Structures are given as C-alpha cells and as structure tokens.
Amino acid sequence: MPVTNSWVLAPKFDVTNKDTISHSELGIEAKIGSTFIGVVEKAIQKFDDQEFMVFHVEKLLKGMGEAIESKSPRAKIANTLAKLATKGVIDKTHAGIGNDPHRYKLRVNKDSHL
C-alpha cells in the first residue's frame, strides 16, 4: 500500500542559498556560546589562580543567574569540569575520593603541560 502525505512542508525562508540560513528566518533564537560547557568555561575564569571545587562552580553559576537544568546539577558540573580538564583548560590539583572532593585550578599556560 503506497504511503501518501496529505500535507506539504513549505519553508518560509529561501533555501536556494545553501551557504547560510538565518536563525531569525527559522523562527528560533540562538545564543552564541550558550552551551553548558561554554558557560562553565567562561564562569571559572573568575577563579583566576584560586583552587575551586564543584560546589564553588555551582554557587558561582547560581550567582550569575545561570539555570542548571539537571536532576543532579553537581554531577553535570563535575562531568563538565572533567571535560575541561581533558581539553587542557583546567588542571585537577587534587583527586578526591569519597567525601573528599576533586579540586581544580585554571591552567596558566595551556602549552606548558603538553
């Protein structure tokens, strides 16, 4: 049995220009750099040369008015900090265990640890 659609999707924007599609033409708003990892990376710059923990990042984000949409906000922050450590943005200065949390510090020179 052939499948037929009774509707046709007609875009409201010009699809002939394959190079760019404006977000405004799509009817959505996009924030540049609004990924959670980008927000955290920008926020932790405030710690400068001080050590910080997940708790500190959570308080900083809340103070900045950033909503952490997750059942476990601290777990999300911890995973993000681990990714930033892998990228070389921060260093883990203390590997915690149990009730002893990990501690991090901004990497002064990204090339110094390669």
C-alpha atoms as a PDB file:
ATOM      1  CA  MET A   1       0.000   0.000   0.000  1.00  0.00           C
ATOM      2  CA  PRO A   2       1.601   3.319  -1.034  1.00  0.00           C
ATOM      3  CA  VAL A   3       2.091   5.978   1.611  1.00  0.00           C
ATOM      4  CA  THR A   4       0.844   9.421   0.710  1.00  0.00           C
ATOM      5  CA  ASN A   5       1.148  12.608   2.659  1.00  0.00           C
ATOM      6  CA  SER A   6      -1.786  14.932   2.707  1.00  0.00           C
ATOM      7  CA  TRP A   7       0.393  17.906   3.638  1.00  0.00           C
ATOM      8  CA  VAL A   8       3.377  19.606   2.111  1.00  0.00           C
ATOM      9  CA  LEU A   9       6.090  21.318   4.129  1.00  0.00           C
ATOM     10  CA  ALA A  10       6.583  24.727   2.574  1.00  0.00           C
ATOM     11  CA  PRO A  11       9.519  26.618   4.106  1.00  0.00           C
ATOM     12  CA  LYS A  12       9.091  30.307   4.784  1.00  0.00           C
ATOM     13  CA  PHE A  13      12.711  31.048   4.008  1.00  0.00           C
ATOM     14  CA  ASP A  14      14.886  30.959   0.920  1.00  0.00           C
ATOM     15  CA  VAL A  15      16.532  27.539   0.561  1.00  0.00           C
ATOM     16  CA  THR A  16      18.296  28.406  -2.681  1.00  0.00           C
ATOM     17  CA  ASN A  17      21.212  29.946  -0.790  1.00  0.00           C
ATOM     18  CA  LYS A  18      22.856  26.838   0.670  1.00  0.00           C
ATOM     19  CA  ASP A  19      25.600  28.791   2.442  1.00  0.00           C
ATOM     20  CA  THR A  20      23.682  30.281   5.345  1.00  0.00           C
ATOM     21  CA  ILE A  21      20.279  30.139   6.929  1.00  0.00           C
ATOM     22  CA  SER A  22      19.453  32.883   9.369  1.00  0.00           C
ATOM     23  CA  HIS A  23      18.132  31.801  12.767  1.00  0.00           C
ATOM     24  CA  SER A  24      15.554  34.567  12.528  1.00  0.00           C
ATOM     25  CA  GLU A  25      14.212  33.015   9.328  1.00  0.00           C
ATOM     26  CA  LEU A  26      13.776  29.719  11.164  1.00  0.00           C
ATOM     27  CA  GLY A  27      11.843  31.425  13.943  1.00  0.00           C
ATOM     28  CA  ILE A  28      14.312  30.487  16.701  1.00  0.00           C
ATOM     29  CA  GLU A  29      16.685  32.451  18.841  1.00  0.00           C
ATOM     30  CA  ALA A  30      20.213  31.172  19.250  1.00  0.00           C
ATOM     31  CA  LYS A  31      22.701  32.368  21.830  1.00  0.00           C
ATOM     32  CA  ILE A  32      26.277  32.174  20.662  1.00  0.00           C
ATOM     33  CA  GLY A  33      28.361  30.168  23.122  1.00  0.00           C
ATOM     34  CA  SER A  34      25.367  29.172  25.212  1.00  0.00           C
ATOM     35  CA  THR A  35      26.363  25.532  25.652  1.00  0.00           C
ATOM     36  CA  PHE A  36      26.728  24.493  29.259  1.00  0.00           C
ATOM     37  CA  ILE A  37      30.418  23.754  28.837  1.00  0.00           C
ATOM     38  CA  GLY A  38      30.891  27.231  27.347  1.00  0.00           C
ATOM     39  CA  VAL A  39      29.037  28.862  30.232  1.00  0.00           C
ATOM     40  CA  VAL A  40      31.126  26.966  32.793  1.00  0.00           C
ATOM     41  CA  GLU A  41      34.371  27.720  30.966  1.00  0.00           C
ATOM     42  CA  LYS A  42      33.543  31.417  30.951  1.00  0.00           C
ATOM     43  CA  ALA A  43      32.444  31.387  34.607  1.00  0.00           C
ATOM     44  CA  ILE A  44      35.522  29.638  36.011  1.00  0.00           C
ATOM     45  CA  GLN A  45      37.740  32.380  34.590  1.00  0.00           C
ATOM     46  CA  LYS A  46      36.641  34.371  37.668  1.00  0.00           C
ATOM     47  CA  PHE A  47      38.597  31.982  39.915  1.00  0.00           C
ATOM     48  CA  ASP A  48      41.852  33.227  38.364  1.00  0.00           C
ATOM     49  CA  ASP A  49      44.657  31.426  40.273  1.00  0.00           C
ATOM     50  CA  GLN A  50      42.491  30.021  43.098  1.00  0.00           C
ATOM     51  CA  GLU A  51      41.596  26.358  43.504  1.00  0.00           C
ATOM     52  CA  PHE A  52      37.908  25.539  43.166  1.00  0.00           C
ATOM     53  CA  MET A  53      35.540  22.619  43.548  1.00  0.00           C
ATOM     54  CA  VAL A  54      32.210  21.650  42.018  1.00  0.00           C
ATOM     55  CA  PHE A  55      30.453  23.362  44.935  1.00  0.00           C
ATOM     56  CA  HIS A  56      32.159  26.667  44.121  1.00  0.00           C
ATOM     57  CA  VAL A  57      31.226  26.457  40.445  1.00  0.00           C
ATOM     58  CA  GLU A  58      27.610  25.691  41.371  1.00  0.00           C
ATOM     59  CA  LYS A  59      27.422  28.756  43.651  1.00  0.00           C
ATOM     60  CA  LEU A  60      29.084  30.927  41.022  1.00  0.00           C
ATOM     61  CA  LEU A  61      26.646  29.832  38.296  1.00  0.00           C
ATOM     62  CA  LYS A  62      23.659  30.415  40.568  1.00  0.00           C
ATOM     63  CA  GLY A  63      25.027  33.841  41.475  1.00  0.00           C
ATOM     64  CA  MET A  64      25.333  34.646  37.771  1.00  0.00           C
ATOM     65  CA  GLY A  65      21.701  33.647  37.271  1.00  0.00           C
ATOM     66  CA  GLU A  66      22.528  30.600  35.149  1.00  0.00           C
ATOM     67  CA  ALA A  67      19.949  27.833  35.398  1.00  0.00           C
ATOM     68  CA  ILE A  68      21.381  24.336  35.705  1.00  0.00           C
ATOM     69  CA  GLU A  69      18.721  22.158  34.162  1.00  0.00           C
ATOM     70  CA  SER A  70      19.513  18.720  35.509  1.00  0.00           C
ATOM     71  CA  LYS A  71      18.304  16.305  38.153  1.00  0.00           C
ATOM     72  CA  SER A  72      21.842  16.346  39.548  1.00  0.00           C
ATOM     73  CA  PRO A  73      23.371  19.769  38.942  1.00  0.00           C
ATOM     74  CA  ARG A  74      26.622  18.930  40.718  1.00  0.00           C
ATOM     75  CA  ALA A  75      27.079  15.761  38.655  1.00  0.00           C
ATOM     76  CA  LYS A  76      26.566  17.796  35.483  1.00  0.00           C
ATOM     77  CA  ILE A  77      29.129  20.348  36.665  1.00  0.00           C
ATOM     78  CA  ALA A  78      31.573  17.576  37.629  1.00  0.00           C
ATOM     79  CA  ASN A  79      31.283  15.990  34.182  1.00  0.00           C
ATOM     80  CA  THR A  80      31.799  19.382  32.560  1.00  0.00           C
ATOM     81  CA  LEU A  81      34.895  20.060  34.673  1.00  0.00           C
ATOM     82  CA  ALA A  82      36.275  16.642  33.689  1.00  0.00           C
ATOM     83  CA  LYS A  83      35.797  17.561  30.008  1.00  0.00           C
ATOM     84  CA  LEU A  84      37.526  20.910  30.556  1.00  0.00           C
ATOM     85  CA  ALA A  85      40.419  19.098  32.247  1.00  0.00           C
ATOM     86  CA  THR A  86      40.679  16.767  29.252  1.00  0.00           C
ATOM     87  CA  LYS A  87      40.678  19.785  26.914  1.00  0.00           C
ATOM     88  CA  GLY A  88      43.503  21.320  28.944  1.00  0.00           C
ATOM     89  CA  VAL A  89      41.569  24.336  30.186  1.00  0.00           C
ATOM     90  CA  ILE A  90      41.929  23.368  33.859  1.00  0.00           C
ATOM     91  CA  ASP A  91      44.120  21.050  35.927  1.00  0.00           C
ATOM     92  CA  LYS A  92      42.902  18.657  38.598  1.00  0.00           C
ATOM     93  CA  THR A  93      45.076  19.660  41.551  1.00  0.00           C
ATOM     94  CA  HIS A  94      43.647  17.075  43.929  1.00  0.00           C
ATOM     95  CA  ALA A  95      41.908  13.817  43.086  1.00  0.00           C
ATOM     96  CA  GLY A  96      39.271  13.433  45.757  1.00  0.00           C
ATOM     97  CA  ILE A  97      37.693  10.242  46.954  1.00  0.00           C
ATOM     98  CA  GLY A  98      34.513   9.668  48.958  1.00  0.00           C
ATOM     99  CA  ASN A  99      33.638  12.853  50.865  1.00  0.00           C
ATOM    100  CA  ASP A 100      36.877  14.495  49.758  1.00  0.00           C
ATOM    101  CA  PRO A 101      36.016  16.408  46.531  1.00  0.00           C
ATOM    102  CA  HIS A 102      38.240  16.912  43.491  1.00  0.00           C
ATOM    103  CA  ARG A 103      39.918  20.299  43.309  1.00  0.00           C
ATOM    104  CA  TYR A 104      40.728  22.171  40.141  1.00  0.00           C
ATOM    105  CA  LYS A 105      42.708  25.201  39.057  1.00  0.00           C
ATOM    106  CA  LEU A 106      42.813  27.140  35.813  1.00  0.00           C
ATOM    107  CA  ARG A 107      45.747  26.153  33.649  1.00  0.00           C
ATOM    108  CA  VAL A 108      48.043  29.153  33.431  1.00  0.00           C
ATOM    109  CA  ASN A 109      49.609  28.223  30.106  1.00  0.00           C
ATOM    110  CA  LYS A 110      47.840  25.539  28.081  1.00  0.00           C
ATOM    111  CA  ASP A 111      51.082  24.611  26.278  1.00  0.00           C
ATOM    112  CA  SER A 112      53.129  24.112  29.448  1.00  0.00           C
ATOM    113  CA  HIS A 113      51.616  20.681  30.216  1.00  0.00           C
ATOM    114  CA  LEU A 114      51.836  19.118  26.731  1.00  0.00           C
END
